[in-house]
Amino acid sequence: MPTRVAVIGATGSIGAQALDVIRRFPDQFELVAAVAGSRADALEEALRPFPGTRAVLIAPDREVPSTTFVGVEAACELARSSDVDVVLVGGGGAGALLPTLAACEAGRLVALAAKEVLVMAGELVTQTAREHGARIVPVDSEHSAIWQCLRGERSESVRRLILTASGGALRSTPLPDLEAVTPAQALAHPNWRMGPKVTVDTATMINKGLEVIEAHFLFDIPYERIDVLIHPQSTIHSAVEFCDGTMIAQLGVADMRAPIALAMGDGRRLPGVVEPLQLEQVGRLDFEAVDPARFPALAVVREAGLRGGAAPAVMNAANEIAVAAFLQGQVAFTEIARLVAKVTRSFQPPDQVGLEELLAADGWAREQATQLVSQGSLSTSGVVPV
């Protein structure tokens, strides 16, 4: 019997590739439900090869047929549905949190690509999963690589996790030129095909910071044992160093369908998901340390992760506002890190942190970041240095 899959974020980059995998392997997977944000036409087109699939739009941009459900609670109901085996959370940013919690409460296998979920509420999500017997498996290529490298290994044997980063579209841009970078330049990623928000995040390296927080919760590894290394070819997707001095790395072509299929299949490998890597054509593998002057945002995100509580939720929300403002031409590329730093460091954490407090912190951060954008008060002077 095929694994029954619900896809959250079905019209995004990860969602579209997940639907492609499901379509190509009908004996392995069956799409039973799909959730998207607002684009009714895009969801309708995406589901054309999957007649009968239940559909939800969180906030549709036009009137929808009676067969399409509307709202976050409808998405949560799909995630809890008894005829769903795997909930693939492919997008939605912070908006994916509630459906993910619903899937965990129902004891589902959660294939997680929306790193914002664990960044915003890692303690809450992992605790909910433990209490209800749910399991979270990673979809991000870096975390999928670590998941694969850790198979059969003892946790006490792990010395550190090494997350590789391409460096994004601006890795070689002269530092003085970064302030004038356009959205088109930041979106020209050399290796991966992703949505605009995550592509900008790779250019600032905030994306890698989010992955550090995500790795902390997925693998229960302290932050000081999670490192980031720039690897421009994106051939080694990540690695694990062990206590005996050896290292295991996972290699493959830059194609997200491989980790998607592996996660939906709960670690089962399917033939021909992607083209195999031709080692003789790779030529060389380069590595370099992260330059803090070029990527100051990475330290800001690590700092939020170490503070814990609601601080990562604040950082994540501020970043979503900052990236949207950059893509709309309202702030400079270098102001993204400044905005995130200013909002996160001005946050006063609550005494207790539950879902209500996390959502409140998220809302506060969005309001603060929006005000900073509108005031244009992100010049280097007057801003906590990053």
Protein backbone atom coordinates (compact mmCIF):
# COMPACT_ATOMS: atom_id res chain seq x y z
CA MET A 1 0.00 0.00 0.00
CA PRO A 2 1.46 3.40 -0.94
CA THR A 3 2.45 5.82 1.81
CA ARG A 4 -0.30 8.42 2.11
CA VAL A 5 1.14 11.95 2.06
CA ALA A 6 -0.20 15.39 2.94
CA VAL A 7 1.93 18.28 1.64
CA ILE A 8 1.98 21.61 3.47
CA GLY A 9 3.23 24.33 1.11
CA ALA A 10 2.25 22.48 -2.05
CA THR A 11 2.81 25.42 -4.41
CA GLY A 12 6.30 26.32 -3.17
CA SER A 13 9.60 24.99 -4.45
CA ILE A 14 9.81 22.04 -2.03
CA GLY A 15 6.12 21.28 -2.41
CA ALA A 16 6.34 21.22 -6.20
CA GLN A 17 9.29 18.84 -6.10
CA ALA A 18 7.50 16.63 -3.57
CA LEU A 19 4.50 16.40 -5.90
CA ASP A 20 6.87 15.45 -8.71
CA VAL A 21 8.32 12.61 -6.62
CA ILE A 22 4.81 11.40 -5.70
CA ARG A 23 3.73 11.48 -9.35
CA ARG A 24 6.80 9.52 -10.46
CA PHE A 25 6.43 6.83 -7.79
CA PRO A 26 2.70 6.06 -7.58
CA ASP A 27 3.39 2.60 -6.17
CA GLN A 28 5.25 4.19 -3.25
CA PHE A 29 3.33 7.40 -2.51
CA GLU A 30 -0.21 8.68 -2.73
CA LEU A 31 -1.06 12.38 -2.38
CA VAL A 32 -4.19 12.60 -0.20
CA ALA A 33 -4.09 16.27 0.86
CA ALA A 34 -2.37 19.53 -0.08
CA VAL A 35 -2.16 22.91 1.63
CA ALA A 36 -1.09 26.23 0.09
CA GLY A 37 -1.01 29.81 1.23
CA SER A 38 -3.09 32.06 -1.02
CA ARG A 39 -2.61 31.26 -4.71
CA ALA A 40 -5.76 29.41 -5.69
CA ASP A 41 -4.85 29.10 -9.37
CA ALA A 42 -1.39 27.73 -8.53
CA LEU A 43 -2.83 25.09 -6.19
CA GLU A 44 -5.43 24.08 -8.75
CA GLU A 45 -2.73 23.66 -11.39
CA ALA A 46 -0.45 21.75 -9.03
CA LEU A 47 -3.21 19.26 -8.19
CA ARG A 48 -4.31 18.66 -11.77
CA PRO A 49 -2.37 15.33 -11.92
CA PHE A 50 -3.91 14.29 -8.58
CA PRO A 51 -7.71 14.26 -8.94
CA GLY A 52 -9.60 13.76 -5.72
CA THR A 53 -6.88 15.26 -3.49
CA ARG A 54 -8.29 17.28 -0.59
CA ALA A 55 -7.14 20.90 -0.81
CA VAL A 56 -6.77 23.74 1.67
CA LEU A 57 -5.89 27.38 1.10
CA ILE A 58 -4.93 29.36 4.20
CA ALA A 59 -5.99 32.77 2.83
CA PRO A 60 -7.18 32.40 -0.79
CA ASP A 61 -6.71 35.27 -3.19
CA ARG A 62 -10.06 34.61 -4.84
CA GLU A 63 -13.29 32.73 -4.24
CA VAL A 64 -12.69 28.99 -4.22
CA PRO A 65 -14.96 26.01 -4.92
CA SER A 66 -16.82 24.41 -2.03
CA THR A 67 -14.52 21.39 -2.31
CA THR A 68 -11.53 23.51 -1.24
CA PHE A 69 -11.27 24.16 2.48
CA VAL A 70 -10.05 27.47 3.89
CA GLY A 71 -8.02 28.49 6.93
CA VAL A 72 -5.30 27.33 9.29
CA GLU A 73 -7.63 25.08 11.25
CA ALA A 74 -8.59 23.26 8.05
CA ALA A 75 -4.88 22.68 7.41
CA CYS A 76 -4.48 21.34 10.94
CA GLU A 77 -7.42 18.98 10.44
CA LEU A 78 -5.76 17.57 7.33
CA ALA A 79 -2.52 17.08 9.25
CA ARG A 80 -4.45 15.13 11.91
CA SER A 81 -6.45 13.07 9.42
CA SER A 82 -6.43 9.32 10.05
CA ASP A 83 -5.81 8.57 6.36
CA VAL A 84 -2.47 10.46 6.36
CA ASP A 85 0.78 8.61 7.08
CA VAL A 86 3.30 11.37 6.37
CA VAL A 87 2.92 15.14 6.62
CA LEU A 88 5.55 16.85 4.49
CA VAL A 89 5.97 20.42 5.71
CA GLY A 90 7.52 22.02 2.68
CA GLY A 91 6.88 25.70 3.22
CA GLY A 92 4.83 28.33 4.95
CA GLY A 93 7.51 29.80 7.19
CA ALA A 94 6.19 30.48 10.68
CA GLY A 95 2.69 29.80 9.33
CA ALA A 96 3.57 26.09 9.13
CA LEU A 97 3.93 25.82 12.92
CA LEU A 98 0.33 25.00 13.80
CA PRO A 99 -0.15 22.28 11.14
CA THR A 100 3.18 20.77 12.21
CA LEU A 101 2.06 20.69 15.84
CA ALA A 102 -1.23 19.11 14.74
CA ALA A 103 0.67 16.40 12.86
CA CYS A 104 2.85 15.75 15.93
CA GLU A 105 -0.19 15.54 18.19
CA ALA A 106 -1.64 12.93 15.83
CA GLY A 107 1.56 10.87 16.01
CA ARG A 108 2.38 11.28 12.34
CA LEU A 109 5.73 11.03 10.61
CA VAL A 110 6.65 14.65 9.88
CA ALA A 111 9.00 15.24 6.95
CA LEU A 112 10.18 18.73 7.78
CA ALA A 113 11.61 21.22 5.29
CA ALA A 114 10.23 24.43 6.83
CA LYS A 115 13.15 25.11 9.15
CA GLU A 116 11.30 28.07 10.65
CA VAL A 117 9.11 25.60 12.57
CA LEU A 118 11.99 24.33 14.73
CA VAL A 119 13.65 27.74 14.83
CA MET A 120 10.50 29.35 16.17
CA ALA A 121 9.36 26.58 18.49
CA GLY A 122 11.94 23.82 18.62
CA GLU A 123 11.43 22.96 22.28
CA LEU A 124 7.64 22.88 21.94
CA VAL A 125 7.59 20.88 18.70
CA THR A 126 10.10 18.24 19.81
CA GLN A 127 8.37 17.84 23.18
CA THR A 128 4.99 17.44 21.46
CA ALA A 129 6.44 14.84 19.12
CA ARG A 130 7.89 12.84 22.02
CA GLU A 131 4.66 12.95 24.00
CA HIS A 132 2.54 11.67 21.10
CA GLY A 133 4.93 9.22 19.46
CA ALA A 134 5.47 11.34 16.35
CA ARG A 135 8.80 11.37 14.54
CA ILE A 136 10.43 14.27 12.73
CA VAL A 137 12.70 13.46 9.79
CA PRO A 138 14.61 16.17 7.94
CA VAL A 139 14.13 17.24 4.33
CA ASP A 140 16.72 20.02 4.13
CA SER A 141 19.67 18.65 2.18
CA GLU A 142 22.12 19.43 4.99
CA HIS A 143 20.08 17.78 7.73
CA SER A 144 19.17 14.87 5.50
CA ALA A 145 22.90 14.38 4.94
CA ILE A 146 23.56 14.34 8.68
CA TRP A 147 20.62 11.98 9.23
CA GLN A 148 22.15 9.61 6.69
CA CYS A 149 25.65 9.91 8.18
CA LEU A 150 24.35 9.09 11.66
CA ARG A 151 22.62 5.85 10.67
CA GLY A 152 23.86 3.03 12.84
CA GLU A 153 26.15 5.32 14.87
CA ARG A 154 26.11 5.75 18.63
CA SER A 155 25.23 9.25 19.80
CA GLU A 156 28.19 9.33 22.20
CA SER A 157 30.52 8.80 19.22
CA VAL A 158 29.60 12.13 17.62
CA ARG A 159 32.15 14.90 18.14
CA ARG A 160 30.57 17.57 15.92
CA LEU A 161 28.21 18.22 13.03
CA ILE A 162 29.50 20.14 10.02
CA LEU A 163 26.90 21.98 7.96
CA THR A 164 28.15 22.95 4.52
CA ALA A 165 27.09 26.21 2.89
CA SER A 166 27.42 27.27 -0.72
CA GLY A 167 27.93 30.90 0.28
CA GLY A 168 25.00 31.91 -1.91
CA ALA A 169 24.97 34.20 -4.90
CA LEU A 170 27.20 36.86 -3.33
CA ARG A 171 30.07 34.79 -1.94
CA SER A 172 32.63 36.50 -4.19
CA THR A 173 31.08 39.97 -4.35
CA PRO A 174 33.51 42.60 -3.02
CA LEU A 175 32.48 43.69 0.49
CA PRO A 176 32.08 47.39 -0.44
CA ASP A 177 29.60 46.38 -3.17
CA LEU A 178 27.23 44.41 -0.91
CA GLU A 179 25.20 47.44 0.17
CA ALA A 180 24.19 48.10 -3.45
CA VAL A 181 23.23 44.48 -4.22
CA THR A 182 19.88 44.17 -6.02
CA PRO A 183 17.27 41.47 -5.37
CA ALA A 184 18.04 39.97 -8.78
CA GLN A 185 21.69 39.58 -7.83
CA ALA A 186 20.87 38.00 -4.47
CA LEU A 187 18.44 35.58 -6.11
CA ALA A 188 20.95 34.28 -8.66
CA HIS A 189 21.95 31.21 -6.65
CA PRO A 190 24.60 29.21 -8.51
CA ASN A 191 23.58 25.72 -7.35
CA TRP A 192 20.05 25.38 -5.98
CA ARG A 193 16.57 26.16 -7.27
CA MET A 194 14.64 27.57 -4.33
CA GLY A 195 12.04 30.17 -3.44
CA PRO A 196 13.03 33.86 -3.19
CA LYS A 197 13.01 34.08 0.61
CA VAL A 198 15.30 31.12 1.25
CA THR A 199 17.55 32.17 -1.64
CA VAL A 200 18.11 35.59 -0.04
CA ASP A 201 18.69 33.80 3.27
CA THR A 202 21.53 31.84 1.66
CA ALA A 203 23.12 35.09 0.52
CA THR A 204 23.03 36.57 4.05
CA MET A 205 23.90 33.17 5.61
CA ILE A 206 20.88 33.55 7.89
CA ASN A 207 19.65 30.36 6.28
CA LYS A 208 22.69 28.52 7.64
CA GLY A 209 22.10 29.99 11.08
CA LEU A 210 18.54 28.71 11.00
CA GLU A 211 19.93 25.31 10.03
CA VAL A 212 22.26 25.37 13.04
CA ILE A 213 19.24 25.86 15.32
CA GLU A 214 17.33 23.20 13.42
CA ALA A 215 20.22 20.73 13.74
CA HIS A 216 20.40 21.39 17.47
CA PHE A 217 16.80 20.22 17.89
CA LEU A 218 16.78 17.45 15.29
CA PHE A 219 19.90 15.72 16.58
CA ASP A 220 20.07 16.92 20.20
CA ILE A 221 23.59 18.30 19.76
CA PRO A 222 24.83 21.40 21.68
CA TYR A 223 25.39 24.53 19.62
CA GLU A 224 29.12 24.56 20.33
CA ARG A 225 29.42 21.23 18.50
CA ILE A 226 27.71 22.43 15.31
CA ASP A 227 29.99 24.14 12.80
CA VAL A 228 29.48 25.77 9.40
CA LEU A 229 31.93 25.47 6.50
CA ILE A 230 31.62 27.08 3.07
CA HIS A 231 31.72 24.55 0.24
CA PRO A 232 30.92 26.33 -3.05
CA GLN A 233 30.26 23.21 -5.13
CA SER A 234 27.38 21.98 -2.90
CA THR A 235 28.54 18.43 -3.59
CA ILE A 236 29.11 17.46 0.04
CA HIS A 237 25.80 18.29 1.67
CA SER A 238 27.09 17.97 5.24
CA ALA A 239 29.31 15.77 7.38
CA VAL A 240 29.71 14.27 10.85
CA GLU A 241 33.00 14.09 12.71
CA PHE A 242 33.37 11.24 15.22
CA CYS A 243 35.34 10.87 18.42
CA ASP A 244 37.92 8.58 16.79
CA GLY A 245 38.97 11.37 14.41
CA THR A 246 37.18 9.98 11.37
CA MET A 247 34.46 11.72 9.37
CA ILE A 248 31.51 10.61 7.26
CA ALA A 249 30.15 12.95 4.58
CA GLN A 250 27.16 12.60 2.25
CA LEU A 251 27.63 13.55 -1.42
CA GLY A 252 25.15 13.96 -4.24
CA VAL A 253 23.91 16.21 -7.00
CA ALA A 254 22.18 19.43 -5.98
CA ASP A 255 18.61 18.17 -6.36
CA MET A 256 16.10 18.40 -3.51
CA ARG A 257 14.04 15.49 -4.79
CA ALA A 258 16.56 13.06 -3.25
CA PRO A 259 16.12 14.18 0.38
CA ILE A 260 12.38 14.67 -0.19
CA ALA A 261 11.91 11.09 -1.38
CA LEU A 262 14.11 9.75 1.42
CA ALA A 263 12.13 11.61 4.09
CA MET A 264 8.70 10.67 2.72
CA GLY A 265 9.90 7.07 2.52
CA ASP A 266 11.17 7.19 6.12
CA GLY A 267 14.72 6.40 5.02
CA ARG A 268 13.81 3.95 2.26
CA ARG A 269 15.84 4.56 -0.90
CA LEU A 270 14.06 4.48 -4.25
CA PRO A 271 15.77 3.78 -7.57
CA GLY A 272 16.43 6.64 -9.96
CA VAL A 273 15.12 9.55 -7.89
CA VAL A 274 17.93 11.77 -9.18
CA GLU A 275 20.87 11.37 -11.51
CA PRO A 276 23.91 9.85 -9.75
CA LEU A 277 26.88 12.04 -8.97
CA GLN A 278 29.75 11.53 -11.45
CA LEU A 279 32.83 11.82 -9.27
CA GLU A 280 35.16 12.03 -12.25
CA GLN A 281 33.31 15.16 -13.35
CA VAL A 282 33.35 16.87 -9.95
CA GLY A 283 36.97 17.88 -10.45
CA ARG A 284 37.58 19.53 -7.09
CA LEU A 285 36.02 20.11 -3.69
CA ASP A 286 36.79 23.46 -2.07
CA PHE A 287 36.24 24.51 1.53
CA GLU A 288 36.71 27.76 3.38
CA ALA A 289 35.89 29.23 6.75
CA VAL A 290 32.96 31.62 7.12
CA ASP A 291 34.07 35.26 6.96
CA PRO A 292 32.21 37.11 9.77
CA ALA A 293 32.63 40.43 7.97
CA ARG A 294 30.82 39.09 4.92
CA PHE A 295 28.21 37.08 6.83
CA PRO A 296 27.54 38.92 10.12
CA ALA A 297 24.00 37.56 10.31
CA LEU A 298 25.24 34.06 11.12
CA ALA A 299 26.50 35.24 14.52
CA VAL A 300 23.21 37.02 15.20
CA VAL A 301 21.24 33.84 14.58
CA ARG A 302 23.60 31.73 16.70
CA GLU A 303 23.22 34.26 19.49
CA ALA A 304 19.43 33.93 19.34
CA GLY A 305 19.71 30.14 19.43
CA LEU A 306 21.93 30.26 22.52
CA ARG A 307 19.49 32.61 24.28
CA GLY A 308 16.74 30.10 23.59
CA GLY A 309 13.15 30.57 24.68
CA ALA A 310 11.30 32.92 22.36
CA ALA A 311 14.44 34.68 21.07
CA PRO A 312 14.75 32.47 17.95
CA ALA A 313 11.10 33.14 17.13
CA VAL A 314 11.75 36.88 17.32
CA MET A 315 14.86 36.58 15.16
CA ASN A 316 13.02 34.50 12.57
CA ALA A 317 10.06 36.88 12.35
CA ALA A 318 12.33 39.92 12.04
CA ASN A 319 14.20 38.21 9.24
CA GLU A 320 11.01 37.41 7.33
CA ILE A 321 10.05 41.10 7.44
CA ALA A 322 13.57 42.21 6.51
CA VAL A 323 13.83 39.88 3.52
CA ALA A 324 10.41 40.91 2.24
CA ALA A 325 11.44 44.56 2.56
CA PHE A 326 14.68 43.91 0.67
CA LEU A 327 12.84 42.12 -2.15
CA GLN A 328 10.51 45.12 -2.39
CA GLY A 329 13.41 47.57 -2.54
CA GLN A 330 12.70 49.12 0.87
CA VAL A 331 15.99 48.23 2.56
CA ALA A 332 19.51 47.54 1.39
CA PHE A 333 20.93 44.03 1.41
CA THR A 334 23.32 44.84 4.27
CA GLU A 335 20.45 46.23 6.34
CA ILE A 336 18.85 42.79 6.66
CA ALA A 337 21.36 41.68 9.29
CA ARG A 338 21.20 45.05 11.06
CA LEU A 339 17.42 44.89 11.33
CA VAL A 340 17.43 41.32 12.63
CA ALA A 341 20.12 42.18 15.19
CA LYS A 342 18.32 45.29 16.44
CA VAL A 343 14.94 43.60 16.88
CA THR A 344 16.32 40.42 18.43
CA ARG A 345 18.60 42.16 20.91
CA SER A 346 15.87 44.55 22.07
CA PHE A 347 13.50 41.67 22.90
CA GLN A 348 12.67 41.10 26.57
CA PRO A 349 11.86 37.40 26.97
CA PRO A 350 8.77 36.28 28.90
CA ASP A 351 9.10 34.25 32.10
CA GLN A 352 7.36 31.25 30.52
CA VAL A 353 7.39 30.10 26.90
CA GLY A 354 4.42 28.23 25.48
CA LEU A 355 2.58 28.45 22.17
CA GLU A 356 0.79 31.65 23.17
CA GLU A 357 4.03 33.37 24.18
CA LEU A 358 5.79 32.23 21.00
CA LEU A 359 3.01 33.58 18.80
CA ALA A 360 3.02 36.83 20.76
CA ALA A 361 6.80 37.16 20.36
CA ASP A 362 6.45 36.49 16.64
CA GLY A 363 3.82 39.21 16.31
CA TRP A 364 5.86 41.69 18.38
CA ALA A 365 8.93 41.12 16.24
CA ARG A 366 7.01 41.63 13.01
CA GLU A 367 5.58 44.88 14.31
CA GLN A 368 8.99 46.13 15.48
CA ALA A 369 10.70 45.17 12.23
CA THR A 370 7.96 46.77 10.14
CA GLN A 371 8.33 50.01 12.10
CA LEU A 372 12.10 50.03 11.56
CA VAL A 373 11.62 49.54 7.82
CA SER A 374 9.07 52.34 7.61
CA GLN A 375 11.23 54.69 9.69
CA GLY A 376 14.31 54.00 7.61
CA SER A 377 16.38 53.86 10.80
CA LEU A 378 18.79 51.09 9.86
CA SER A 379 21.90 53.06 9.03
CA THR A 380 25.09 51.72 10.60
CA SER A 381 25.09 54.45 13.25
CA GLY A 382 22.70 53.85 16.10
CA VAL A 383 22.34 50.15 15.41
CA VAL A 384 23.82 47.44 17.63
CA PRO A 385 26.82 46.23 15.59
CA VAL A 386 26.63 42.75 14.08
